[in-house]
Amino acid sequence: MNLDQLKREIERQFAAGAAAIGDAAAMEAFLALRAALEAGQVRAAWPDPAAPSAWRVNAWVKRGILLGFRLGALEEMPAGRLSFVDKNTYPIRRFAASAGVRMVPGGSSVRSGAFVARGVVCMPPMYINAGAYVDEDTMVDSHALVGSCAQIGKRVHLSAAAQIGGVLEPVNASPVVIEDEVLVGGNCGVYEGAIVRKNAVLAAGTVLTRGTPVYDLVRGQVLRASAELPLIIPEAAVVVPGSRAVSKGKGQEWGLSLYAPVIVKYRDEKTDLSTALEELLR
């Protein structure tokens, strides 16, 4: 079936609720969606210059991913000497050398329904969840997580222990988006639909959430999420962990400060030179 037919069938089967369980047509539609996700033919969110955030959520795709959990049954999944129990609709993905993905030994896994492009390097142990999209030549370093439906661009470096949050419900909620050429430092966390525009740098330890105000020292602005838009980090921004003083009450009396990400500069040749070393590892 083509994508329009697949969309209609996924929507129909999702709306059927528990009645879809055991329905061969429902399983066929889900498996077709899972294959399309793994091939990069469909995504939980697409770039769309006409959208307010420049990204458009495909709610029907997220419904299809949820449909897979509904249809699946718990099953033992042997993996060498290890054994796992999970929904049989989401086994671990396996890659052939022809796929061009480096899956380095040491305990990493990619769940079925995730797209991993040619040139991606997976350093152990890392994890990519169902519905995620990881584009060409990206590095997913040790202990990094790419959550369900997260969108990762080309030539991104997700440094050790970086956490990219996932979102399946509500189905119209925007996933986290990391655009092309972004450097995400070690122990960073990007959650709740935040968008990091291309060429940005998140210094180690930076945490971004929907409720996190970001202070742009260069442009004299405070960036926040709104009812219509998630938190958006501008193109080429260099963000570091900072703090802001509590200005009233006990917080002021006790000299407390609150965490605050700060944009201290915009990426230039010097920044690029300091991040170019990762190319030697590819």
Protein backbone atom coordinates (compact mmCIF):
# COMPACT_ATOMS: atom_id res chain seq x y z
CA MET A 1 0.00 0.00 0.00
CA ASN A 2 1.14 3.56 -0.64
CA LEU A 3 1.68 6.08 2.17
CA ASP A 4 -1.78 7.63 1.86
CA GLN A 5 -3.37 4.20 2.14
CA LEU A 6 -1.08 3.33 5.03
CA LYS A 7 -2.04 6.51 6.87
CA ARG A 8 -5.75 5.80 6.47
CA GLU A 9 -5.34 2.21 7.66
CA ILE A 10 -3.22 3.19 10.67
CA GLU A 11 -5.80 5.80 11.68
CA ARG A 12 -8.63 3.27 11.28
CA GLN A 13 -6.90 0.56 13.27
CA PHE A 14 -5.81 2.96 16.02
CA ALA A 15 -9.39 4.22 16.37
CA ALA A 16 -10.60 0.61 16.70
CA GLY A 17 -8.92 0.36 20.11
CA ALA A 18 -8.75 -3.11 21.62
CA ALA A 19 -10.73 -4.52 18.67
CA ALA A 20 -7.55 -4.26 16.57
CA ILE A 21 -5.75 -6.82 18.75
CA GLY A 22 -5.48 -10.06 16.82
CA ASP A 23 -6.61 -8.45 13.56
CA ALA A 24 -4.25 -9.54 10.78
CA ALA A 25 -4.94 -6.34 8.83
CA ALA A 26 -3.92 -4.23 11.82
CA MET A 27 -0.65 -6.14 12.18
CA GLU A 28 0.01 -5.84 8.45
CA ALA A 29 -0.47 -2.06 8.61
CA PHE A 30 1.81 -1.73 11.62
CA LEU A 31 4.57 -3.83 10.07
CA ALA A 32 4.37 -1.72 6.91
CA LEU A 33 4.72 1.42 9.02
CA ARG A 34 7.64 -0.04 10.97
CA ALA A 35 9.43 -0.90 7.74
CA ALA A 36 8.78 2.60 6.37
CA LEU A 37 10.17 4.15 9.57
CA GLU A 38 13.33 2.04 9.37
CA ALA A 39 13.78 3.04 5.72
CA GLY A 40 13.34 6.73 6.53
CA GLN A 41 10.28 6.95 4.26
CA VAL A 42 8.07 8.27 7.07
CA ARG A 43 9.00 10.22 10.18
CA ALA A 44 7.30 11.28 13.39
CA ALA A 45 8.12 14.87 12.35
CA TRP A 46 9.18 16.41 9.04
CA PRO A 47 11.06 19.65 8.33
CA ASP A 48 8.47 22.15 7.08
CA PRO A 49 9.53 25.78 6.47
CA ALA A 50 5.86 26.81 6.48
CA ALA A 51 5.27 25.58 10.04
CA PRO A 52 5.77 28.04 12.93
CA SER A 53 8.68 25.99 14.31
CA ALA A 54 9.83 24.83 10.84
CA TRP A 55 8.86 21.28 11.87
CA ARG A 56 5.54 19.49 11.37
CA VAL A 57 4.42 16.64 13.65
CA ASN A 58 2.96 13.57 11.94
CA ALA A 59 0.49 12.46 14.57
CA TRP A 60 -0.65 9.48 12.51
CA VAL A 61 2.89 8.05 12.59
CA LYS A 62 2.96 8.31 16.38
CA ARG A 63 -0.45 6.63 16.52
CA GLY A 64 0.99 3.82 14.42
CA ILE A 65 3.92 3.41 16.83
CA LEU A 66 1.47 3.22 19.73
CA LEU A 67 -0.61 0.73 17.74
CA GLY A 68 2.43 -1.52 17.65
CA PHE A 69 2.58 -1.60 21.45
CA ARG A 70 -1.13 -2.41 21.56
CA LEU A 71 -0.79 -5.29 19.10
CA GLY A 72 2.39 -6.76 20.55
CA ALA A 73 2.61 -9.61 23.02
CA LEU A 74 5.36 -10.17 25.59
CA GLU A 75 7.95 -12.55 24.25
CA GLU A 76 11.36 -13.81 25.29
CA MET A 77 14.06 -12.38 23.04
CA PRO A 78 17.35 -14.25 23.36
CA ALA A 79 20.46 -12.25 22.44
CA GLY A 80 23.53 -14.41 22.77
CA ARG A 81 23.90 -15.26 26.46
CA LEU A 82 21.43 -12.53 27.41
CA SER A 83 17.64 -12.75 27.44
CA PHE A 84 15.10 -9.97 27.23
CA VAL A 85 11.32 -9.86 27.48
CA ASP A 86 9.51 -7.21 25.45
CA LYS A 87 6.66 -6.66 22.99
CA ASN A 88 7.33 -8.87 19.99
CA THR A 89 6.42 -6.00 17.68
CA TYR A 90 9.60 -4.16 18.71
CA PRO A 91 12.60 -6.51 18.54
CA ILE A 92 16.18 -5.26 18.41
CA ARG A 93 17.29 -4.04 14.99
CA ARG A 94 20.15 -5.85 13.29
CA PHE A 95 22.40 -4.20 10.70
CA ALA A 96 24.32 -5.66 7.79
CA ALA A 97 27.70 -4.18 6.87
CA SER A 98 26.12 -2.92 3.65
CA ALA A 99 23.97 -0.50 5.70
CA GLY A 100 27.10 1.50 6.50
CA VAL A 101 26.27 1.84 10.21
CA ARG A 102 29.11 1.29 12.71
CA MET A 103 27.66 -0.64 15.65
CA VAL A 104 30.70 -0.96 17.92
CA PRO A 105 30.65 -4.00 20.27
CA GLY A 106 29.78 -3.39 23.89
CA GLY A 107 26.08 -3.41 24.73
CA SER A 108 24.36 -0.91 22.41
CA SER A 109 20.96 -1.50 20.85
CA VAL A 110 18.60 0.06 18.34
CA ARG A 111 14.92 -0.79 18.59
CA SER A 112 12.91 -1.72 15.51
CA GLY A 113 11.06 1.22 14.02
CA ALA A 114 14.06 3.56 14.30
CA PHE A 115 15.86 4.99 11.28
CA VAL A 116 19.66 4.97 11.40
CA ALA A 117 21.34 6.39 8.30
CA ARG A 118 24.56 5.43 6.56
CA GLY A 119 27.66 6.70 8.32
CA VAL A 120 26.16 6.77 11.84
CA VAL A 121 28.58 5.61 14.55
CA CYS A 122 27.12 3.93 17.65
CA MET A 123 29.59 3.80 20.53
CA PRO A 124 28.72 1.42 23.37
CA PRO A 125 26.63 1.44 25.38
CA MET A 126 24.03 3.65 23.69
CA TYR A 127 20.35 3.26 22.86
CA ILE A 128 18.07 4.46 20.05
CA ASN A 129 14.33 3.99 20.66
CA ALA A 130 11.47 3.26 18.27
CA GLY A 131 10.36 6.10 16.02
CA ALA A 132 13.67 7.97 16.30
CA TYR A 133 15.38 9.33 13.18
CA VAL A 134 19.18 9.60 13.15
CA ASP A 135 20.61 11.08 9.96
CA GLU A 136 23.90 10.57 8.12
CA ASP A 137 27.34 10.69 9.75
CA THR A 138 26.06 11.34 13.26
CA MET A 139 28.00 10.09 16.29
CA VAL A 140 25.97 8.59 19.15
CA ASP A 141 28.54 8.29 21.89
CA SER A 142 28.73 6.06 24.97
CA HIS A 143 25.75 6.11 27.33
CA ALA A 144 23.82 8.45 25.01
CA LEU A 145 20.06 8.01 24.59
CA VAL A 146 17.98 8.94 21.57
CA GLY A 147 14.37 8.79 22.80
CA SER A 148 11.28 7.68 20.91
CA CYS A 149 10.47 9.90 17.90
CA ALA A 150 13.46 12.23 18.48
CA GLN A 151 14.80 13.73 15.26
CA ILE A 152 18.58 13.95 14.90
CA GLY A 153 20.16 15.65 11.88
CA LYS A 154 23.28 15.07 9.81
CA ARG A 155 26.78 15.19 11.30
CA VAL A 156 25.52 15.67 14.86
CA HIS A 157 27.74 14.65 17.77
CA LEU A 158 25.81 13.34 20.77
CA SER A 159 28.58 13.19 23.35
CA ALA A 160 28.89 10.69 26.17
CA ALA A 161 25.81 10.46 28.43
CA ALA A 162 23.80 12.96 26.36
CA GLN A 163 20.08 12.38 26.84
CA ILE A 164 17.69 13.27 24.01
CA GLY A 165 14.17 12.90 25.37
CA GLY A 166 11.42 11.04 23.60
CA VAL A 167 7.70 11.64 23.30
CA LEU A 168 4.87 9.43 22.07
CA GLU A 169 1.91 10.94 23.89
CA PRO A 170 0.13 13.21 23.39
CA VAL A 171 0.43 12.28 19.73
CA ASN A 172 0.38 15.90 18.55
CA ALA A 173 3.28 16.89 20.85
CA SER A 174 6.51 17.89 19.11
CA PRO A 175 9.47 15.57 19.59
CA VAL A 176 12.93 16.84 20.44
CA VAL A 177 14.72 18.01 17.29
CA ILE A 178 18.50 18.33 16.95
CA GLU A 179 19.25 19.82 13.53
CA ASP A 180 22.34 19.32 11.33
CA GLU A 181 25.89 19.90 12.55
CA VAL A 182 24.95 20.36 16.24
CA LEU A 183 27.41 19.42 18.98
CA VAL A 184 25.68 18.15 22.12
CA GLY A 185 28.21 17.99 24.95
CA GLY A 186 28.60 15.30 27.58
CA ASN A 187 25.84 14.91 30.16
CA CYS A 188 23.53 17.29 28.32
CA GLY A 189 19.77 16.76 28.47
CA VAL A 190 17.32 17.99 25.83
CA TYR A 191 13.69 17.28 26.66
CA GLU A 192 10.02 18.21 26.13
CA GLY A 193 10.11 19.04 22.44
CA ALA A 194 13.01 21.51 22.50
CA ILE A 195 14.46 22.35 19.07
CA VAL A 196 18.18 22.99 18.63
CA ARG A 197 18.86 24.70 15.31
CA LYS A 198 21.73 23.70 13.02
CA ASN A 199 25.35 24.41 13.94
CA ALA A 200 24.53 25.13 17.59
CA VAL A 201 26.79 23.93 20.42
CA LEU A 202 25.49 22.77 23.80
CA ALA A 203 28.35 22.77 26.30
CA ALA A 204 28.70 19.83 28.68
CA GLY A 205 26.01 19.72 31.33
CA THR A 206 23.48 21.95 29.56
CA VAL A 207 19.85 20.97 30.23
CA LEU A 208 16.98 22.26 28.08
CA THR A 209 13.29 21.74 28.89
CA ARG A 210 10.04 23.43 27.96
CA GLY A 211 10.13 25.42 31.20
CA THR A 212 13.78 26.46 30.91
CA PRO A 213 14.40 30.14 30.02
CA VAL A 214 17.60 30.61 28.02
CA TYR A 215 19.49 33.91 28.40
CA ASP A 216 21.05 35.21 25.18
CA LEU A 217 23.84 37.56 26.27
CA VAL A 218 24.75 38.36 22.66
CA ARG A 219 21.34 39.55 21.48
CA GLY A 220 19.96 40.66 24.83
CA GLN A 221 16.96 38.31 24.74
CA VAL A 222 15.39 35.70 26.99
CA LEU A 223 14.22 32.67 25.01
CA ARG A 224 11.20 30.75 26.31
CA ALA A 225 8.68 28.22 25.09
CA SER A 226 5.17 29.50 24.43
CA ALA A 227 1.74 27.94 24.11
CA GLU A 228 2.36 27.58 20.36
CA LEU A 229 6.09 26.91 20.20
CA PRO A 230 8.64 24.81 22.09
CA LEU A 231 11.93 26.18 23.37
CA ILE A 232 14.07 26.92 20.29
CA ILE A 233 17.84 27.41 20.40
CA PRO A 234 18.94 29.64 17.50
CA GLU A 235 21.24 28.56 14.71
CA ALA A 236 24.96 28.54 15.64
CA ALA A 237 24.30 29.52 19.27
CA VAL A 238 26.84 28.37 21.85
CA VAL A 239 24.98 27.51 25.06
CA VAL A 240 26.67 26.93 28.42
CA PRO A 241 25.26 26.12 31.88
CA GLY A 242 24.90 29.24 33.99
CA SER A 243 22.93 30.59 36.92
CA ARG A 244 20.73 33.55 37.81
CA ALA A 245 20.37 35.04 41.25
CA VAL A 246 17.10 34.70 43.16
CA SER A 247 15.98 38.30 43.56
CA LYS A 248 13.45 38.13 46.38
CA GLY A 249 12.36 36.28 49.50
CA LYS A 250 14.42 33.65 51.23
CA GLY A 251 16.28 32.88 48.05
CA GLN A 252 17.71 36.38 48.01
CA GLU A 253 18.36 36.31 51.75
CA TRP A 254 20.26 33.03 51.47
CA GLY A 255 22.17 34.09 48.34
CA LEU A 256 20.74 31.32 46.18
CA SER A 257 20.94 31.03 42.41
CA LEU A 258 18.88 29.00 39.93
CA TYR A 259 20.18 27.07 36.95
CA ALA A 260 20.02 29.07 33.72
CA PRO A 261 21.43 28.12 30.29
CA VAL A 262 23.25 31.06 28.72
CA ILE A 263 24.10 31.81 25.08
CA VAL A 264 27.58 33.29 25.36
CA LYS A 265 28.46 33.55 21.65
CA TYR A 266 27.56 32.36 18.18
CA ARG A 267 29.65 29.72 16.47
CA ASP A 268 32.72 30.92 14.54
CA GLU A 269 35.91 29.45 13.08
CA LYS A 270 37.50 29.09 16.51
CA THR A 271 34.51 27.07 17.76
CA ASP A 272 34.64 24.90 14.66
CA LEU A 273 38.33 24.17 15.15
CA SER A 274 37.69 23.07 18.71
CA THR A 275 35.05 20.58 17.56
CA ALA A 276 36.80 19.27 14.43
CA LEU A 277 38.73 16.58 16.33
CA GLU A 278 35.73 14.24 16.25
CA GLU A 279 36.19 13.80 12.48
CA LEU A 280 39.33 11.77 13.19
CA LEU A 281 37.20 9.10 14.89
CA ARG A 282 34.98 8.40 11.89
